[in-house]
């Protein structure tokens, strides 16, 4: 299983990522082990999607990081 997730950071920004081990990845974020979020703690998980196919998951993550994907996030998730 592959997971695409969105975190809400303390500075109101979002972080979008993809992983095959969501529990470990969130733990790394919360412990300040991820460079992109370590200065934006605490974080909160606001969205999670599950995929069976790695390529679909990474393509969805890529979409969410695009211009139209960011609009989708603002319009539907935040």
PDB file of N, CA and C in Angstrom:
ATOM      1  N   UNK A   1       0.837  -1.172   0.000  1.00  0.00           N
ATOM      2  CA  UNK A   1       0.000   0.000   0.000  1.00  0.00           C
ATOM      3  C   UNK A   1       0.888   1.244   0.000  1.00  0.00           C
ATOM      4  N   UNK A   2       0.411   2.256  -0.695  1.00  0.00           N
ATOM      5  CA  UNK A   2       1.106   3.530  -0.763  1.00  0.00           C
ATOM      6  C   UNK A   2       0.155   4.625  -0.317  1.00  0.00           C
ATOM      7  N   UNK A   3       0.690   5.609   0.354  1.00  0.00           N
ATOM      8  CA  UNK A   3      -0.114   6.660   0.955  1.00  0.00           C
ATOM      9  C   UNK A   3       0.329   8.027   0.446  1.00  0.00           C
ATOM     10  N   UNK A   4      -0.633   8.851   0.075  1.00  0.00           N
ATOM     11  CA  UNK A   4      -0.382  10.258  -0.231  1.00  0.00           C
ATOM     12  C   UNK A   4      -1.024  11.033   0.900  1.00  0.00           C
ATOM     13  N   UNK A   5      -0.256  11.936   1.496  1.00  0.00           N
ATOM     14  CA  UNK A   5      -0.739  12.632   2.686  1.00  0.00           C
ATOM     15  C   UNK A   5      -0.450  14.119   2.586  1.00  0.00           C
ATOM     16  N   UNK A   6      -1.252  14.875   3.317  1.00  0.00           N
ATOM     17  CA  UNK A   6      -1.040  16.322   3.415  1.00  0.00           C
ATOM     18  C   UNK A   6      -0.998  16.680   4.890  1.00  0.00           C
ATOM     19  N   UNK A   7       0.032  17.421   5.259  1.00  0.00           N
ATOM     20  CA  UNK A   7       0.190  17.891   6.628  1.00  0.00           C
ATOM     21  C   UNK A   7      -0.086  19.385   6.680  1.00  0.00           C
ATOM     22  N   UNK A   8      -0.651  19.829   7.769  1.00  0.00           N
ATOM     23  CA  UNK A   8      -0.817  21.262   8.044  1.00  0.00           C
ATOM     24  C   UNK A   8       0.263  21.612   9.060  1.00  0.00           C
ATOM     25  N   UNK A   9       1.113  22.561   8.712  1.00  0.00           N
ATOM     26  CA  UNK A   9       2.229  22.953   9.573  1.00  0.00           C
ATOM     27  C   UNK A   9       1.828  24.118  10.470  1.00  0.00           C
ATOM     28  N   UNK A  10       2.641  24.374  11.471  1.00  0.00           N
ATOM     29  CA  UNK A  10       2.342  25.424  12.449  1.00  0.00           C
ATOM     30  C   UNK A  10       2.272  26.815  11.815  1.00  0.00           C
ATOM     31  N   UNK A  11       2.967  27.028  10.704  1.00  0.00           N
ATOM     32  CA  UNK A  11       2.941  28.329  10.040  1.00  0.00           C
ATOM     33  C   UNK A  11       1.818  28.417   8.998  1.00  0.00           C
ATOM     34  N   UNK A  12       0.860  27.497   9.065  1.00  0.00           N
ATOM     35  CA  UNK A  12      -0.318  27.439   8.180  1.00  0.00           C
ATOM     36  C   UNK A  12      -0.009  26.949   6.766  1.00  0.00           C
ATOM     37  N   UNK A  13       1.232  26.579   6.486  1.00  0.00           N
ATOM     38  CA  UNK A  13       1.561  26.017   5.180  1.00  0.00           C
ATOM     39  C   UNK A  13       1.180  24.534   5.170  1.00  0.00           C
ATOM     40  N   UNK A  14       1.221  23.934   3.985  1.00  0.00           N
ATOM     41  CA  UNK A  14       0.954  22.500   3.872  1.00  0.00           C
ATOM     42  C   UNK A  14       2.179  21.794   3.329  1.00  0.00           C
ATOM     43  N   UNK A  15       2.268  20.526   3.634  1.00  0.00           N
ATOM     44  CA  UNK A  15       3.322  19.670   3.109  1.00  0.00           C
ATOM     45  C   UNK A  15       2.644  18.442   2.532  1.00  0.00           C
ATOM     46  N   UNK A  16       2.964  18.106   1.292  1.00  0.00           N
ATOM     47  CA  UNK A  16       2.392  16.942   0.629  1.00  0.00           C
ATOM     48  C   UNK A  16       3.486  15.919   0.413  1.00  0.00           C
ATOM     49  N   UNK A  17       3.197  14.659   0.752  1.00  0.00           N
ATOM     50  CA  UNK A  17       4.187  13.613   0.587  1.00  0.00           C
ATOM     51  C   UNK A  17       3.563  12.287   0.216  1.00  0.00           C
ATOM     52  N   UNK A  18       4.437  11.332  -0.083  1.00  0.00           N
ATOM     53  CA  UNK A  18       4.012   9.986  -0.468  1.00  0.00           C
ATOM     54  C   UNK A  18       4.949   8.990   0.212  1.00  0.00           C
ATOM     55  N   UNK A  19       4.394   7.902   0.716  1.00  0.00           N
ATOM     56  CA  UNK A  19       5.193   6.915   1.422  1.00  0.00           C
ATOM     57  C   UNK A  19       4.507   5.556   1.372  1.00  0.00           C
ATOM     58  N   UNK A  20       5.260   4.515   1.686  1.00  0.00           N
ATOM     59  CA  UNK A  20       4.651   3.195   1.803  1.00  0.00           C
ATOM     60  C   UNK A  20       4.539   2.775   3.273  1.00  0.00           C
ATOM     61  N   UNK A  21       4.968   3.652   4.194  1.00  0.00           N
ATOM     62  CA  UNK A  21       4.861   3.379   5.630  1.00  0.00           C
ATOM     63  C   UNK A  21       4.419   4.668   6.326  1.00  0.00           C
ATOM     64  N   UNK A  22       3.123   4.882   6.385  1.00  0.00           N
ATOM     65  CA  UNK A  22       2.604   6.158   6.876  1.00  0.00           C
ATOM     66  C   UNK A  22       2.903   6.386   8.357  1.00  0.00           C
ATOM     67  N   UNK A  23       2.812   5.352   9.175  1.00  0.00           N
ATOM     68  CA  UNK A  23       3.065   5.531  10.613  1.00  0.00           C
ATOM     69  C   UNK A  23       4.495   6.004  10.862  1.00  0.00           C
ATOM     70  N   UNK A  24       5.443   5.376  10.203  1.00  0.00           N
ATOM     71  CA  UNK A  24       6.847   5.750  10.381  1.00  0.00           C
ATOM     72  C   UNK A  24       7.119   7.147   9.819  1.00  0.00           C
ATOM     73  N   UNK A  25       6.514   7.475   8.688  1.00  0.00           N
ATOM     74  CA  UNK A  25       6.746   8.781   8.071  1.00  0.00           C
ATOM     75  C   UNK A  25       6.196   9.917   8.936  1.00  0.00           C
ATOM     76  N   UNK A  26       4.991   9.739   9.474  1.00  0.00           N
ATOM     77  CA  UNK A  26       4.413  10.764  10.351  1.00  0.00           C
ATOM     78  C   UNK A  26       5.261  10.902  11.616  1.00  0.00           C
ATOM     79  N   UNK A  27       5.726   9.780  12.133  1.00  0.00           N
ATOM     80  CA  UNK A  27       6.592   9.805  13.317  1.00  0.00           C
ATOM     81  C   UNK A  27       7.865  10.608  13.036  1.00  0.00           C
ATOM     82  N   UNK A  28       8.453  10.407  11.857  1.00  0.00           N
ATOM     83  CA  UNK A  28       9.662  11.154  11.483  1.00  0.00           C
ATOM     84  C   UNK A  28       9.364  12.647  11.380  1.00  0.00           C
ATOM     85  N   UNK A  29       8.210  12.996  10.817  1.00  0.00           N
ATOM     86  CA  UNK A  29       7.828  14.409  10.741  1.00  0.00           C
ATOM     87  C   UNK A  29       7.704  15.000  12.148  1.00  0.00           C
ATOM     88  N   UNK A  30       6.967  14.323  13.015  1.00  0.00           N
ATOM     89  CA  UNK A  30       6.709  14.842  14.368  1.00  0.00           C
ATOM     90  C   UNK A  30       7.967  14.949  15.208  1.00  0.00           C
ATOM     91  N   UNK A  31       8.957  14.096  14.933  1.00  0.00           N
ATOM     92  CA  UNK A  31      10.209  14.128  15.682  1.00  0.00           C
ATOM     93  C   UNK A  31      11.250  15.068  15.081  1.00  0.00           C
ATOM     94  N   UNK A  32      10.867  15.818  14.045  1.00  0.00           N
ATOM     95  CA  UNK A  32      11.786  16.784  13.448  1.00  0.00           C
ATOM     96  C   UNK A  32      12.860  16.169  12.587  1.00  0.00           C
ATOM     97  N   UNK A  33      12.631  14.980  12.060  1.00  0.00           N
ATOM     98  CA  UNK A  33      13.635  14.274  11.250  1.00  0.00           C
ATOM     99  C   UNK A  33      13.496  14.559   9.754  1.00  0.00           C
ATOM    100  N   UNK A  34      12.458  15.306   9.361  1.00  0.00           N
ATOM    101  CA  UNK A  34      12.244  15.630   7.949  1.00  0.00           C
ATOM    102  C   UNK A  34      12.610  17.099   7.745  1.00  0.00           C
ATOM    103  N   UNK A  35      13.584  17.342   6.892  1.00  0.00           N
ATOM    104  CA  UNK A  35      14.129  18.680   6.696  1.00  0.00           C
ATOM    105  C   UNK A  35      13.040  19.707   6.373  1.00  0.00           C
ATOM    106  N   UNK A  36      12.104  19.357   5.512  1.00  0.00           N
ATOM    107  CA  UNK A  36      11.101  20.319   5.041  1.00  0.00           C
ATOM    108  C   UNK A  36      10.115  20.757   6.107  1.00  0.00           C
ATOM    109  N   UNK A  37       9.940  19.968   7.153  1.00  0.00           N
ATOM    110  CA  UNK A  37       8.953  20.320   8.180  1.00  0.00           C
ATOM    111  C   UNK A  37       9.539  20.514   9.570  1.00  0.00           C
ATOM    112  N   UNK A  38      10.820  20.284   9.746  1.00  0.00           N
ATOM    113  CA  UNK A  38      11.381  20.322  11.105  1.00  0.00           C
ATOM    114  C   UNK A  38      11.286  21.697  11.763  1.00  0.00           C
ATOM    115  N   UNK A  39      11.262  22.773  10.981  1.00  0.00           N
ATOM    116  CA  UNK A  39      11.141  24.118  11.549  1.00  0.00           C
ATOM    117  C   UNK A  39       9.702  24.620  11.551  1.00  0.00           C
ATOM    118  N   UNK A  40       8.755  23.736  11.245  1.00  0.00           N
ATOM    119  CA  UNK A  40       7.343  24.114  11.162  1.00  0.00           C
ATOM    120  C   UNK A  40       6.480  23.277  12.100  1.00  0.00           C
ATOM    121  N   UNK A  41       7.089  22.724  13.123  1.00  0.00           N
ATOM    122  CA  UNK A  41       6.359  21.879  14.078  1.00  0.00           C
ATOM    123  C   UNK A  41       5.528  22.730  15.015  1.00  0.00           C
ATOM    124  N   UNK A  42       4.434  22.239  15.521  1.00  0.00           N
ATOM    125  CA  UNK A  42       3.888  20.899  15.298  1.00  0.00           C
ATOM    126  C   UNK A  42       3.147  20.810  13.970  1.00  0.00           C
ATOM    127  N   UNK A  43       3.000  19.582  13.490  1.00  0.00           N
ATOM    128  CA  UNK A  43       2.271  19.314  12.253  1.00  0.00           C
ATOM    129  C   UNK A  43       1.015  18.522  12.592  1.00  0.00           C
ATOM    130  N   UNK A  44       0.058  18.574  11.650  1.00  0.00           N
ATOM    131  CA  UNK A  44      -1.187  17.817  11.839  1.00  0.00           C
ATOM    132  C   UNK A  44      -1.569  17.196  10.498  1.00  0.00           C
ATOM    133  N   UNK A  45      -1.896  15.923  10.505  1.00  0.00           N
ATOM    134  CA  UNK A  45      -2.332  15.234   9.298  1.00  0.00           C
ATOM    135  C   UNK A  45      -3.742  15.701   8.951  1.00  0.00           C
ATOM    136  N   UNK A  46      -3.924  16.240   7.728  1.00  0.00           N
ATOM    137  CA  UNK A  46      -5.254  16.728   7.348  1.00  0.00           C
ATOM    138  C   UNK A  46      -5.854  15.938   6.196  1.00  0.00           C
ATOM    139  N   UNK A  47      -5.047  15.113   5.514  1.00  0.00           N
ATOM    140  CA  UNK A  47      -5.565  14.347   4.381  1.00  0.00           C
ATOM    141  C   UNK A  47      -4.715  13.106   4.181  1.00  0.00           C
ATOM    142  N   UNK A  48      -5.384  12.003   3.841  1.00  0.00           N
ATOM    143  CA  UNK A  48      -4.681  10.744   3.575  1.00  0.00           C
ATOM    144  C   UNK A  48      -5.443   9.967   2.513  1.00  0.00           C
ATOM    145  N   UNK A  49      -4.743   9.538   1.462  1.00  0.00           N
ATOM    146  CA  UNK A  49      -5.298   8.663   0.428  1.00  0.00           C
ATOM    147  C   UNK A  49      -4.464   7.400   0.379  1.00  0.00           C
ATOM    148  N   UNK A  50      -5.105   6.283   0.082  1.00  0.00           N
ATOM    149  CA  UNK A  50      -4.427   4.990   0.023  1.00  0.00           C
ATOM    150  C   UNK A  50      -4.500   4.468  -1.411  1.00  0.00           C
ATOM    151  N   UNK A  51      -3.367   3.988  -1.910  1.00  0.00           N
ATOM    152  CA  UNK A  51      -3.265   3.440  -3.257  1.00  0.00           C
ATOM    153  C   UNK A  51      -2.604   2.069  -3.207  1.00  0.00           C
ATOM    154  N   UNK A  52      -3.034   1.191  -4.081  1.00  0.00           N
ATOM    155  CA  UNK A  52      -2.377  -0.115  -4.207  1.00  0.00           C
ATOM    156  C   UNK A  52      -1.197  -0.034  -5.164  1.00  0.00           C
ATOM    157  N   UNK A  53      -1.237   0.919  -6.072  1.00  0.00           N
ATOM    158  CA  UNK A  53      -0.236   1.051  -7.111  1.00  0.00           C
ATOM    159  C   UNK A  53       0.684   2.232  -6.810  1.00  0.00           C
ATOM    160  N   UNK A  54       1.975   1.965  -6.761  1.00  0.00           N
ATOM    161  CA  UNK A  54       2.966   2.991  -6.450  1.00  0.00           C
ATOM    162  C   UNK A  54       2.921   4.141  -7.449  1.00  0.00           C
ATOM    163  N   UNK A  55       2.771   3.847  -8.717  1.00  0.00           N
ATOM    164  CA  UNK A  55       2.800   4.876  -9.747  1.00  0.00           C
ATOM    165  C   UNK A  55       1.587   5.791  -9.672  1.00  0.00           C
ATOM    166  N   UNK A  56       0.424   5.242  -9.356  1.00  0.00           N
ATOM    167  CA  UNK A  56      -0.763   6.081  -9.169  1.00  0.00           C
ATOM    168  C   UNK A  56      -0.571   7.015  -7.979  1.00  0.00           C
ATOM    169  N   UNK A  57       0.007   6.492  -6.911  1.00  0.00           N
ATOM    170  CA  UNK A  57       0.245   7.310  -5.712  1.00  0.00           C
ATOM    171  C   UNK A  57       1.193   8.459  -6.028  1.00  0.00           C
ATOM    172  N   UNK A  58       2.308   8.163  -6.675  1.00  0.00           N
ATOM    173  CA  UNK A  58       3.277   9.220  -6.976  1.00  0.00           C
ATOM    174  C   UNK A  58       2.728  10.227  -7.991  1.00  0.00           C
ATOM    175  N   UNK A  59       1.925   9.757  -8.925  1.00  0.00           N
ATOM    176  CA  UNK A  59       1.300  10.688  -9.872  1.00  0.00           C
ATOM    177  C   UNK A  59       0.291  11.597  -9.181  1.00  0.00           C
ATOM    178  N   UNK A  60      -0.453  11.063  -8.212  1.00  0.00           N
ATOM    179  CA  UNK A  60      -1.400  11.889  -7.470  1.00  0.00           C
ATOM    180  C   UNK A  60      -0.661  12.915  -6.615  1.00  0.00           C
ATOM    181  N   UNK A  61       0.433  12.497  -5.988  1.00  0.00           N
ATOM    182  CA  UNK A  61       1.247  13.442  -5.220  1.00  0.00           C
ATOM    183  C   UNK A  61       1.756  14.560  -6.141  1.00  0.00           C
ATOM    184  N   UNK A  62       2.227  14.191  -7.316  1.00  0.00           N
ATOM    185  CA  UNK A  62       2.726  15.177  -8.277  1.00  0.00           C
ATOM    186  C   UNK A  62       1.617  16.152  -8.660  1.00  0.00           C
ATOM    187  N   UNK A  63       0.398  15.634  -8.872  1.00  0.00           N
ATOM    188  CA  UNK A  63      -0.737  16.502  -9.185  1.00  0.00           C
ATOM    189  C   UNK A  63      -1.002  17.484  -8.045  1.00  0.00           C
ATOM    190  N   UNK A  64      -1.021  16.985  -6.799  1.00  0.00           N
ATOM    191  CA  UNK A  64      -1.308  17.860  -5.658  1.00  0.00           C
ATOM    192  C   UNK A  64      -0.268  18.961  -5.503  1.00  0.00           C
ATOM    193  N   UNK A  65       0.939  18.720  -5.974  1.00  0.00           N
ATOM    194  CA  UNK A  65       1.997  19.728  -5.882  1.00  0.00           C
ATOM    195  C   UNK A  65       1.987  20.689  -7.065  1.00  0.00           C
ATOM    196  N   UNK A  66       1.143  20.419  -8.065  1.00  0.00           N
ATOM    197  CA  UNK A  66       1.039  21.301  -9.230  1.00  0.00           C
ATOM    198  C   UNK A  66       0.141  22.488  -8.903  1.00  0.00           C
ATOM    199  N   UNK A  67       0.072  23.432  -9.796  1.00  0.00           N
ATOM    200  CA  UNK A  67      -0.771  24.612  -9.594  1.00  0.00           C
ATOM    201  C   UNK A  67      -2.236  24.255  -9.397  1.00  0.00           C
ATOM    202  N   UNK A  68      -2.781  23.421 -10.278  1.00  0.00           N
ATOM    203  CA  UNK A  68      -4.194  23.049 -10.139  1.00  0.00           C
ATOM    204  C   UNK A  68      -4.416  22.163  -8.916  1.00  0.00           C
ATOM    205  N   UNK A  69      -3.427  21.377  -8.547  1.00  0.00           N
ATOM    206  CA  UNK A  69      -3.530  20.557  -7.345  1.00  0.00           C
ATOM    207  C   UNK A  69      -3.562  21.403  -6.078  1.00  0.00           C
ATOM    208  N   UNK A  70      -2.780  22.466  -6.053  1.00  0.00           N
ATOM    209  CA  UNK A  70      -2.788  23.370  -4.894  1.00  0.00           C
ATOM    210  C   UNK A  70      -4.119  24.096  -4.782  1.00  0.00           C
ATOM    211  N   UNK A  71      -4.708  24.453  -5.925  1.00  0.00           N
ATOM    212  CA  UNK A  71      -6.038  25.065  -5.910  1.00  0.00           C
ATOM    213  C   UNK A  71      -7.051  24.068  -5.353  1.00  0.00           C
ATOM    214  N   UNK A  72      -6.956  22.813  -5.781  1.00  0.00           N
ATOM    215  CA  UNK A  72      -7.832  21.757  -5.278  1.00  0.00           C
ATOM    216  C   UNK A  72      -7.716  21.639  -3.760  1.00  0.00           C
ATOM    217  N   UNK A  73      -6.496  21.644  -3.253  1.00  0.00           N
ATOM    218  CA  UNK A  73      -6.262  21.543  -1.805  1.00  0.00           C
ATOM    219  C   UNK A  73      -6.918  22.722  -1.080  1.00  0.00           C
ATOM    220  N   UNK A  74      -6.672  23.923  -1.567  1.00  0.00           N
ATOM    221  CA  UNK A  74      -7.258  25.109  -0.904  1.00  0.00           C
ATOM    222  C   UNK A  74      -8.773  25.097  -0.955  1.00  0.00           C
ATOM    223  N   UNK A  75      -9.324  24.666  -2.070  1.00  0.00           N
ATOM    224  CA  UNK A  75     -10.765  24.705  -2.260  1.00  0.00           C
ATOM    225  C   UNK A  75     -11.497  23.603  -1.490  1.00  0.00           C
ATOM    226  N   UNK A  76     -10.892  22.416  -1.386  1.00  0.00           N
ATOM    227  CA  UNK A  76     -11.598  21.267  -0.827  1.00  0.00           C
ATOM    228  C   UNK A  76     -11.095  20.777   0.536  1.00  0.00           C
ATOM    229  N   UNK A  77      -9.872  21.111   0.876  1.00  0.00           N
ATOM    230  CA  UNK A  77      -9.299  20.529   2.089  1.00  0.00           C
ATOM    231  C   UNK A  77      -8.982  21.537   3.179  1.00  0.00           C
ATOM    232  N   UNK A  78      -8.772  22.788   2.815  1.00  0.00           N
ATOM    233  CA  UNK A  78      -8.359  23.776   3.821  1.00  0.00           C
ATOM    234  C   UNK A  78      -9.464  24.800   3.991  1.00  0.00           C
TER     235      UNK A  78
END
